[in-house]
Amino acid sequence: MNLEQRLSELEARVSQLEKEAAAATTAETEKHLQGLPNSTKTIIFKEIEKTKQDERPVGIDPESYLAKEILWQSRKIIELEHSIAEILNTVKHLKYLLTKS
């Protein structure tokens, strides 16, 4: 599999996840609006859609201090997650050995 195919697959997956998130958000909103008159629900959903269209994504300059700090902290979090996973595996193994003997 070449990089272009992989990129295409990842873009499709991101698109799918965005659609799922939007559907989940809509379902959650409907749950909270349950019991309100239909006219009120319609107005609220129209305002939500209008707000979504007006939103502007905010980017971070990759060379800025903030971007480097976020990257560093993300790496640290990943390292911590790996360490926790190793500890959990060790604990499971020790429990297994204790129950075995």
Protein backbone atom coordinates (compact mmCIF):
# COMPACT_ATOMS: atom_id res chain seq x y z
CA MET A 1 0.00 0.00 0.00
CA ASN A 2 1.49 3.30 -1.01
CA LEU A 3 1.23 6.62 0.79
CA GLU A 4 -1.48 8.00 -1.49
CA GLN A 5 -3.76 5.03 -0.82
CA ARG A 6 -3.13 5.27 2.91
CA LEU A 7 -3.83 9.01 2.88
CA SER A 8 -7.03 8.40 0.94
CA GLU A 9 -8.14 5.78 3.49
CA LEU A 10 -7.34 8.09 6.39
CA GLU A 11 -9.27 10.96 4.81
CA ALA A 12 -12.27 8.67 4.31
CA ARG A 13 -12.04 7.54 7.94
CA VAL A 14 -11.85 11.14 9.21
CA SER A 15 -14.87 12.04 7.10
CA GLN A 16 -16.78 9.07 8.50
CA LEU A 17 -15.85 10.00 12.08
CA GLU A 18 -16.96 13.59 11.51
CA LYS A 19 -20.34 12.37 10.24
CA GLU A 20 -20.71 10.03 13.23
CA ALA A 21 -19.85 12.85 15.63
CA ALA A 22 -22.38 15.15 13.98
CA ALA A 23 -25.06 12.46 14.19
CA ALA A 24 -24.25 11.83 17.85
CA THR A 25 -24.37 15.55 18.57
CA THR A 26 -27.75 15.87 16.86
CA ALA A 27 -29.14 12.89 18.78
CA GLU A 28 -27.83 14.32 22.05
CA THR A 29 -29.36 17.72 21.26
CA GLU A 30 -32.71 16.12 20.44
CA LYS A 31 -32.58 14.26 23.74
CA HIS A 32 -32.12 17.53 25.63
CA LEU A 33 -34.87 19.27 23.68
CA GLN A 34 -37.37 16.52 24.27
CA GLY A 35 -40.66 17.87 25.55
CA LEU A 36 -40.28 21.28 23.92
CA PRO A 37 -42.71 22.43 21.24
CA ASN A 38 -41.68 21.68 17.64
CA SER A 39 -41.47 25.39 16.81
CA THR A 40 -38.90 25.89 19.58
CA LYS A 41 -36.88 22.88 18.42
CA THR A 42 -36.90 24.19 14.85
CA ILE A 43 -35.62 27.59 15.94
CA ILE A 44 -32.86 26.06 18.07
CA PHE A 45 -31.69 23.75 15.26
CA LYS A 46 -31.67 26.66 12.78
CA GLU A 47 -29.52 28.70 15.17
CA ILE A 48 -27.15 25.76 15.63
CA GLU A 49 -26.76 25.39 11.85
CA LYS A 50 -26.21 29.13 11.43
CA THR A 51 -23.53 29.06 14.12
CA LYS A 52 -21.80 26.08 12.48
CA GLN A 53 -21.58 28.01 9.21
CA ASP A 54 -20.10 31.05 10.95
CA GLU A 55 -17.44 29.09 12.83
CA ARG A 56 -13.87 29.63 11.75
CA PRO A 57 -11.19 27.08 12.50
CA VAL A 58 -8.25 28.44 14.43
CA GLY A 59 -4.83 27.22 13.45
CA ILE A 60 -1.58 27.15 15.36
CA ASP A 61 1.68 28.03 13.68
CA PRO A 62 3.70 24.77 13.80
CA GLU A 63 6.88 26.71 14.48
CA SER A 64 5.47 28.59 17.47
CA TYR A 65 6.29 27.90 21.09
CA LEU A 66 2.69 26.81 21.71
CA ALA A 67 2.78 24.20 18.94
CA LYS A 68 6.08 22.81 20.20
CA GLU A 69 4.75 22.69 23.76
CA ILE A 70 1.60 20.86 22.64
CA LEU A 71 3.70 18.37 20.68
CA TRP A 72 6.03 17.80 23.63
CA GLN A 73 3.14 17.28 26.04
CA SER A 74 1.40 14.96 23.58
CA ARG A 75 4.52 12.83 23.41
CA LYS A 76 4.73 12.75 27.19
CA ILE A 77 1.09 11.67 27.45
CA ILE A 78 1.72 8.87 24.94
CA GLU A 79 4.77 7.75 26.93
CA LEU A 80 2.68 7.74 30.12
CA GLU A 81 -0.06 5.72 28.42
CA HIS A 82 2.52 3.15 27.31
CA SER A 83 4.00 2.98 30.81
CA ILE A 84 0.55 2.48 32.33
CA ALA A 85 -0.18 -0.29 29.83
CA GLU A 86 3.09 -2.01 30.75
CA ILE A 87 2.29 -1.74 34.46
CA LEU A 88 -1.19 -3.17 33.90
CA ASN A 89 0.24 -6.08 31.94
CA THR A 90 2.76 -6.75 34.69
CA VAL A 91 0.04 -6.68 37.35
CA LYS A 92 -2.12 -9.06 35.31
CA HIS A 93 0.83 -11.40 34.89
CA LEU A 94 1.58 -11.30 38.63
CA LYS A 95 -2.08 -12.03 39.44
CA TYR A 96 -1.96 -14.96 37.05
CA LEU A 97 1.20 -16.29 38.69
CA LEU A 98 -0.33 -15.91 42.17
CA THR A 99 -3.51 -17.77 41.22
CA LYS A 100 -1.50 -20.45 39.46
CA SER A 101 0.62 -21.29 42.51
